[in-house]
Amino acid sequence: MAEERKKYEKVVQNEVKTAKRNELKKSLIANDAKTVGHYTLFDVFIPSVKRIIYELTMKALGMSLFGNGSGPSGQNNGYVQYARPYSQISYASNNVLRPINPQTPQTPRVQQPAINDYAHFIYATRGDAEFVLEQMQNILEDYTVVRVSELYDLAGKTAPVTSENYGWTSLKEARVDVCSEGFCLRLPPARPIQ
């Protein structure tokens, strides 16, 4: 039988906003500049330079050995041959775009809260954000896991249905950060719980 858990109420005094993803990215740029620089250098720039040097070396070697830059009997041995993006487009008749049937009513999509929207919550004051984090730590001490749905409850937000199945068993990495319009909780990724 599942453990009976207390229902939590909103603890923040001000309304908690949900940031649009682009706004949140802007606020993270300053905090993550070192990470982005590291990624750009070691995962993008250096491998690209290595690939270019390799391809130039192999092409020069092929030209010196075979005279025309390709391998023996016209094969491209030793360097990468990239496919052109337009060579894979199919113009077959079964791929023709069909117009939408005007008699079929188009129902508007209702935006449902997503499981990870908690990462985009913006608290009006540092006190609100710290109090939510403190309450999450208290829940963790009582139950050894704090659910995403409980974070939504503490923030006064409607939780998605699946939020009961995800949560945290540790909040050691959690902290309050300044965001573009207020304060944000930086939490580790929520994990599936049982």
C-alpha atoms as a PDB file:
ATOM      1  CA  MET A   1       0.000   0.000   0.000  1.00  0.00           C
ATOM      2  CA  ALA A   2       1.266   3.471  -0.879  1.00  0.00           C
ATOM      3  CA  GLU A   3       2.486   5.737   1.870  1.00  0.00           C
ATOM      4  CA  GLU A   4      -0.084   8.361   2.909  1.00  0.00           C
ATOM      5  CA  ARG A   5       1.444  11.786   2.316  1.00  0.00           C
ATOM      6  CA  LYS A   6       0.356  15.146   3.609  1.00  0.00           C
ATOM      7  CA  LYS A   7      -1.152  17.584   1.075  1.00  0.00           C
ATOM      8  CA  TYR A   8       0.905  20.778   0.871  1.00  0.00           C
ATOM      9  CA  GLU A   9      -0.446  24.280   0.403  1.00  0.00           C
ATOM     10  CA  LYS A  10       1.009  27.325  -1.326  1.00  0.00           C
ATOM     11  CA  VAL A  11       3.777  28.847   0.807  1.00  0.00           C
ATOM     12  CA  VAL A  12       4.835  31.776  -1.372  1.00  0.00           C
ATOM     13  CA  GLN A  13       3.371  35.219  -0.703  1.00  0.00           C
ATOM     14  CA  ASN A  14       3.705  36.490  -4.270  1.00  0.00           C
ATOM     15  CA  GLU A  15       2.558  34.950  -7.532  1.00  0.00           C
ATOM     16  CA  VAL A  16       5.045  32.600  -9.158  1.00  0.00           C
ATOM     17  CA  LYS A  17       5.429  33.221 -12.895  1.00  0.00           C
ATOM     18  CA  THR A  18       6.437  30.660 -15.464  1.00  0.00           C
ATOM     19  CA  ALA A  19       9.190  32.017 -17.695  1.00  0.00           C
ATOM     20  CA  LYS A  20       9.138  31.502 -21.401  1.00  0.00           C
ATOM     21  CA  ARG A  21      12.007  29.296 -22.460  1.00  0.00           C
ATOM     22  CA  ASN A  22      13.784  32.065 -24.396  1.00  0.00           C
ATOM     23  CA  GLU A  23      13.741  34.395 -21.384  1.00  0.00           C
ATOM     24  CA  LEU A  24      15.173  31.686 -19.185  1.00  0.00           C
ATOM     25  CA  LYS A  25      17.929  30.971 -21.702  1.00  0.00           C
ATOM     26  CA  LYS A  26      18.914  34.651 -21.638  1.00  0.00           C
ATOM     27  CA  SER A  27      19.193  34.586 -17.860  1.00  0.00           C
ATOM     28  CA  LEU A  28      21.322  31.456 -17.967  1.00  0.00           C
ATOM     29  CA  ILE A  29      23.835  32.865 -20.440  1.00  0.00           C
ATOM     30  CA  ALA A  30      25.823  34.724 -17.809  1.00  0.00           C
ATOM     31  CA  ASN A  31      25.767  31.783 -15.375  1.00  0.00           C
ATOM     32  CA  ASP A  32      26.739  29.235 -17.988  1.00  0.00           C
ATOM     33  CA  ALA A  33      29.269  31.223 -20.041  1.00  0.00           C
ATOM     34  CA  LYS A  34      32.127  29.071 -18.800  1.00  0.00           C
ATOM     35  CA  THR A  35      30.209  25.864 -19.617  1.00  0.00           C
ATOM     36  CA  VAL A  36      29.242  27.138 -23.070  1.00  0.00           C
ATOM     37  CA  GLY A  37      32.818  28.227 -23.760  1.00  0.00           C
ATOM     38  CA  HIS A  38      34.142  24.836 -22.688  1.00  0.00           C
ATOM     39  CA  TYR A  39      31.564  23.031 -24.861  1.00  0.00           C
ATOM     40  CA  THR A  40      32.241  25.264 -27.859  1.00  0.00           C
ATOM     41  CA  LEU A  41      35.992  24.808 -27.621  1.00  0.00           C
ATOM     42  CA  PHE A  42      36.269  21.098 -26.827  1.00  0.00           C
ATOM     43  CA  ASP A  43      33.130  19.645 -28.443  1.00  0.00           C
ATOM     44  CA  VAL A  44      32.770  21.843 -31.537  1.00  0.00           C
ATOM     45  CA  PHE A  45      35.875  23.816 -32.478  1.00  0.00           C
ATOM     46  CA  ILE A  46      38.711  21.356 -31.777  1.00  0.00           C
ATOM     47  CA  PRO A  47      36.978  18.338 -33.432  1.00  0.00           C
ATOM     48  CA  SER A  48      36.169  20.521 -36.472  1.00  0.00           C
ATOM     49  CA  VAL A  49      39.780  21.661 -36.792  1.00  0.00           C
ATOM     50  CA  LYS A  50      40.998  18.066 -36.423  1.00  0.00           C
ATOM     51  CA  ARG A  51      38.576  16.893 -39.130  1.00  0.00           C
ATOM     52  CA  ILE A  52      39.672  19.687 -41.502  1.00  0.00           C
ATOM     53  CA  ILE A  53      43.373  18.926 -40.937  1.00  0.00           C
ATOM     54  CA  TYR A  54      42.720  15.208 -41.482  1.00  0.00           C
ATOM     55  CA  GLU A  55      40.755  15.793 -44.689  1.00  0.00           C
ATOM     56  CA  LEU A  56      43.364  18.203 -46.086  1.00  0.00           C
ATOM     57  CA  THR A  57      46.180  15.792 -45.234  1.00  0.00           C
ATOM     58  CA  MET A  58      44.414  12.837 -46.836  1.00  0.00           C
ATOM     59  CA  LYS A  59      43.511  14.851 -49.943  1.00  0.00           C
ATOM     60  CA  ALA A  60      47.119  16.110 -50.301  1.00  0.00           C
ATOM     61  CA  LEU A  61      48.425  12.563 -49.852  1.00  0.00           C
ATOM     62  CA  GLY A  62      45.976  11.275 -52.456  1.00  0.00           C
ATOM     63  CA  MET A  63      47.021  13.992 -54.900  1.00  0.00           C
ATOM     64  CA  SER A  64      50.711  13.257 -54.391  1.00  0.00           C
ATOM     65  CA  LEU A  65      50.250   9.495 -54.839  1.00  0.00           C
ATOM     66  CA  PHE A  66      47.558   9.354 -57.513  1.00  0.00           C
ATOM     67  CA  GLY A  67      47.690  12.790 -59.120  1.00  0.00           C
ATOM     68  CA  ASN A  68      44.005  13.729 -58.996  1.00  0.00           C
ATOM     69  CA  GLY A  69      43.089  13.776 -55.314  1.00  0.00           C
ATOM     70  CA  SER A  70      41.131  10.553 -55.304  1.00  0.00           C
ATOM     71  CA  GLY A  71      42.241   7.075 -54.375  1.00  0.00           C
ATOM     72  CA  PRO A  72      43.144   4.243 -56.726  1.00  0.00           C
ATOM     73  CA  SER A  73      40.721   3.748 -59.626  1.00  0.00           C
ATOM     74  CA  GLY A  74      38.737   6.884 -58.769  1.00  0.00           C
ATOM     75  CA  GLN A  75      37.663   5.806 -55.254  1.00  0.00           C
ATOM     76  CA  ASN A  76      37.598   8.307 -52.431  1.00  0.00           C
ATOM     77  CA  ASN A  77      39.813   6.510 -49.954  1.00  0.00           C
ATOM     78  CA  GLY A  78      40.954   8.253 -46.823  1.00  0.00           C
ATOM     79  CA  TYR A  79      38.746  11.289 -46.619  1.00  0.00           C
ATOM     80  CA  VAL A  80      35.106  11.799 -45.787  1.00  0.00           C
ATOM     81  CA  GLN A  81      32.572  12.325 -48.527  1.00  0.00           C
ATOM     82  CA  TYR A  82      29.539  14.273 -47.281  1.00  0.00           C
ATOM     83  CA  ALA A  83      26.101  13.803 -48.792  1.00  0.00           C
ATOM     84  CA  ARG A  84      24.367  16.861 -50.137  1.00  0.00           C
ATOM     85  CA  PRO A  85      21.216  17.586 -48.154  1.00  0.00           C
ATOM     86  CA  TYR A  86      19.067  17.901 -51.274  1.00  0.00           C
ATOM     87  CA  SER A  87      20.063  14.478 -52.594  1.00  0.00           C
ATOM     88  CA  GLN A  88      17.764  12.741 -50.105  1.00  0.00           C
ATOM     89  CA  ILE A  89      14.563  14.630 -50.895  1.00  0.00           C
ATOM     90  CA  SER A  90      11.974  12.388 -52.481  1.00  0.00           C
ATOM     91  CA  TYR A  91       9.737  13.888 -55.135  1.00  0.00           C
ATOM     92  CA  ALA A  92       7.528  10.818 -55.414  1.00  0.00           C
ATOM     93  CA  SER A  93       3.792  11.391 -55.825  1.00  0.00           C
ATOM     94  CA  ASN A  94       2.977   9.899 -52.407  1.00  0.00           C
ATOM     95  CA  ASN A  95       4.771  12.797 -50.680  1.00  0.00           C
ATOM     96  CA  VAL A  96       2.533  15.488 -52.145  1.00  0.00           C
ATOM     97  CA  LEU A  97       1.173  17.900 -49.550  1.00  0.00           C
ATOM     98  CA  ARG A  98      -2.557  17.545 -49.169  1.00  0.00           C
ATOM     99  CA  PRO A  99      -4.769  20.485 -48.198  1.00  0.00           C
ATOM    100  CA  ILE A 100      -6.545  20.375 -44.856  1.00  0.00           C
ATOM    101  CA  ASN A 101     -10.165  19.396 -45.210  1.00  0.00           C
ATOM    102  CA  PRO A 102     -12.148  22.608 -44.513  1.00  0.00           C
ATOM    103  CA  GLN A 103     -15.092  20.597 -43.122  1.00  0.00           C
ATOM    104  CA  THR A 104     -12.902  19.108 -40.370  1.00  0.00           C
ATOM    105  CA  PRO A 105     -12.957  21.513 -37.410  1.00  0.00           C
ATOM    106  CA  GLN A 106      -9.522  22.326 -36.055  1.00  0.00           C
ATOM    107  CA  THR A 107      -9.567  22.097 -32.277  1.00  0.00           C
ATOM    108  CA  PRO A 108      -7.115  24.440 -30.587  1.00  0.00           C
ATOM    109  CA  ARG A 109      -4.496  22.793 -28.453  1.00  0.00           C
ATOM    110  CA  VAL A 110      -4.745  23.630 -24.782  1.00  0.00           C
ATOM    111  CA  GLN A 111      -1.348  24.178 -23.218  1.00  0.00           C
ATOM    112  CA  GLN A 112      -1.001  21.621 -20.431  1.00  0.00           C
ATOM    113  CA  PRO A 113       1.653  22.072 -17.760  1.00  0.00           C
ATOM    114  CA  ALA A 114       4.736  20.011 -18.511  1.00  0.00           C
ATOM    115  CA  ILE A 115       6.583  17.908 -15.968  1.00  0.00           C
ATOM    116  CA  ASN A 116       9.689  20.120 -16.161  1.00  0.00           C
ATOM    117  CA  ASP A 117       7.948  23.522 -16.045  1.00  0.00           C
ATOM    118  CA  TYR A 118       9.152  23.800 -12.445  1.00  0.00           C
ATOM    119  CA  ALA A 119      12.566  24.679 -13.896  1.00  0.00           C
ATOM    120  CA  HIS A 120      11.004  27.817 -15.395  1.00  0.00           C
ATOM    121  CA  PHE A 121       9.293  29.114 -12.234  1.00  0.00           C
ATOM    122  CA  ILE A 122      10.246  32.699 -11.408  1.00  0.00           C
ATOM    123  CA  TYR A 123       9.739  33.762  -7.796  1.00  0.00           C
ATOM    124  CA  ALA A 124       9.152  37.456  -7.089  1.00  0.00           C
ATOM    125  CA  THR A 125      11.441  37.561  -4.043  1.00  0.00           C
ATOM    126  CA  ARG A 126      14.487  35.645  -2.870  1.00  0.00           C
ATOM    127  CA  GLY A 127      12.572  34.910   0.342  1.00  0.00           C
ATOM    128  CA  ASP A 128       9.812  33.093  -1.553  1.00  0.00           C
ATOM    129  CA  ALA A 129      12.331  30.965  -3.470  1.00  0.00           C
ATOM    130  CA  GLU A 130      14.347  30.158  -0.332  1.00  0.00           C
ATOM    131  CA  PHE A 131      11.194  29.279   1.617  1.00  0.00           C
ATOM    132  CA  VAL A 132      10.055  26.867  -1.115  1.00  0.00           C
ATOM    133  CA  LEU A 133      13.508  25.227  -1.119  1.00  0.00           C
ATOM    134  CA  GLU A 134      13.444  25.011   2.694  1.00  0.00           C
ATOM    135  CA  GLN A 135       9.998  23.372   2.616  1.00  0.00           C
ATOM    136  CA  MET A 136      11.220  20.902  -0.018  1.00  0.00           C
ATOM    137  CA  GLN A 137      14.120  19.970   2.274  1.00  0.00           C
ATOM    138  CA  ASN A 138      11.655  19.444   5.152  1.00  0.00           C
ATOM    139  CA  ILE A 139       9.543  17.135   2.966  1.00  0.00           C
ATOM    140  CA  LEU A 140      12.718  15.267   2.017  1.00  0.00           C
ATOM    141  CA  GLU A 141      13.558  14.739   5.701  1.00  0.00           C
ATOM    142  CA  ASP A 142      10.022  13.468   6.441  1.00  0.00           C
ATOM    143  CA  TYR A 143       9.552  11.146   3.442  1.00  0.00           C
ATOM    144  CA  THR A 144      13.093  10.647   1.932  1.00  0.00           C
ATOM    145  CA  VAL A 145      11.706  11.882  -1.396  1.00  0.00           C
ATOM    146  CA  VAL A 146      10.070  15.123  -2.482  1.00  0.00           C
ATOM    147  CA  ARG A 147       7.776  14.869  -5.490  1.00  0.00           C
ATOM    148  CA  VAL A 148       7.520  17.338  -8.352  1.00  0.00           C
ATOM    149  CA  SER A 149       3.808  17.685  -7.542  1.00  0.00           C
ATOM    150  CA  GLU A 150       4.734  18.922  -4.053  1.00  0.00           C
ATOM    151  CA  LEU A 151       6.953  21.623  -5.549  1.00  0.00           C
ATOM    152  CA  TYR A 152       4.009  22.726  -7.701  1.00  0.00           C
ATOM    153  CA  ASP A 153       1.800  22.797  -4.589  1.00  0.00           C
ATOM    154  CA  LEU A 154       4.328  24.888  -2.651  1.00  0.00           C
ATOM    155  CA  ALA A 155       4.558  27.341  -5.573  1.00  0.00           C
ATOM    156  CA  GLY A 156       0.758  27.545  -5.906  1.00  0.00           C
ATOM    157  CA  LYS A 157       0.754  26.052  -9.403  1.00  0.00           C
ATOM    158  CA  THR A 158      -1.314  23.295 -11.007  1.00  0.00           C
ATOM    159  CA  ALA A 159       0.803  20.176 -11.337  1.00  0.00           C
ATOM    160  CA  PRO A 160       0.709  17.861 -14.355  1.00  0.00           C
ATOM    161  CA  VAL A 161      -0.744  14.418 -13.727  1.00  0.00           C
ATOM    162  CA  THR A 162       2.589  12.648 -14.139  1.00  0.00           C
ATOM    163  CA  SER A 163       4.336  14.839 -11.562  1.00  0.00           C
ATOM    164  CA  GLU A 164       3.506  12.319  -8.813  1.00  0.00           C
ATOM    165  CA  ASN A 165       5.897   9.876 -10.475  1.00  0.00           C
ATOM    166  CA  TYR A 166       8.980  12.136 -10.425  1.00  0.00           C
ATOM    167  CA  GLY A 167      10.979  13.744  -7.659  1.00  0.00           C
ATOM    168  CA  TRP A 168      14.247  14.166  -5.789  1.00  0.00           C
ATOM    169  CA  THR A 169      15.999  12.102  -3.139  1.00  0.00           C
ATOM    170  CA  SER A 170      18.709  14.726  -2.658  1.00  0.00           C
ATOM    171  CA  LEU A 171      18.709  18.504  -2.842  1.00  0.00           C
ATOM    172  CA  LYS A 172      22.395  19.039  -2.059  1.00  0.00           C
ATOM    173  CA  GLU A 173      22.959  20.725  -5.446  1.00  0.00           C
ATOM    174  CA  ALA A 174      19.826  22.911  -5.194  1.00  0.00           C
ATOM    175  CA  ARG A 175      20.237  26.670  -4.868  1.00  0.00           C
ATOM    176  CA  VAL A 176      18.478  29.976  -5.459  1.00  0.00           C
ATOM    177  CA  ASP A 177      19.742  32.068  -8.392  1.00  0.00           C
ATOM    178  CA  VAL A 178      18.895  35.478  -9.794  1.00  0.00           C
ATOM    179  CA  CYS A 179      16.879  35.314 -13.026  1.00  0.00           C
ATOM    180  CA  SER A 180      15.889  38.016 -15.486  1.00  0.00           C
ATOM    181  CA  GLU A 181      12.574  38.814 -13.740  1.00  0.00           C
ATOM    182  CA  GLY A 182      13.190  37.569 -10.206  1.00  0.00           C
ATOM    183  CA  PHE A 183      14.636  34.463  -8.590  1.00  0.00           C
ATOM    184  CA  CYS A 184      14.808  30.843  -9.775  1.00  0.00           C
ATOM    185  CA  LEU A 185      15.420  27.524  -8.091  1.00  0.00           C
ATOM    186  CA  ARG A 186      18.256  25.547  -9.656  1.00  0.00           C
ATOM    187  CA  LEU A 187      17.369  21.943  -8.937  1.00  0.00           C
ATOM    188  CA  PRO A 188      18.946  18.684 -10.048  1.00  0.00           C
ATOM    189  CA  PRO A 189      16.903  16.825 -12.689  1.00  0.00           C
ATOM    190  CA  ALA A 190      13.815  15.092 -11.289  1.00  0.00           C
ATOM    191  CA  ARG A 191      14.101  11.312 -11.420  1.00  0.00           C
ATOM    192  CA  PRO A 192      11.372   8.663 -11.644  1.00  0.00           C
ATOM    193  CA  ILE A 193      10.253   7.538  -8.190  1.00  0.00           C
ATOM    194  CA  GLN A 194       8.169   4.612  -6.980  1.00  0.00           C
END
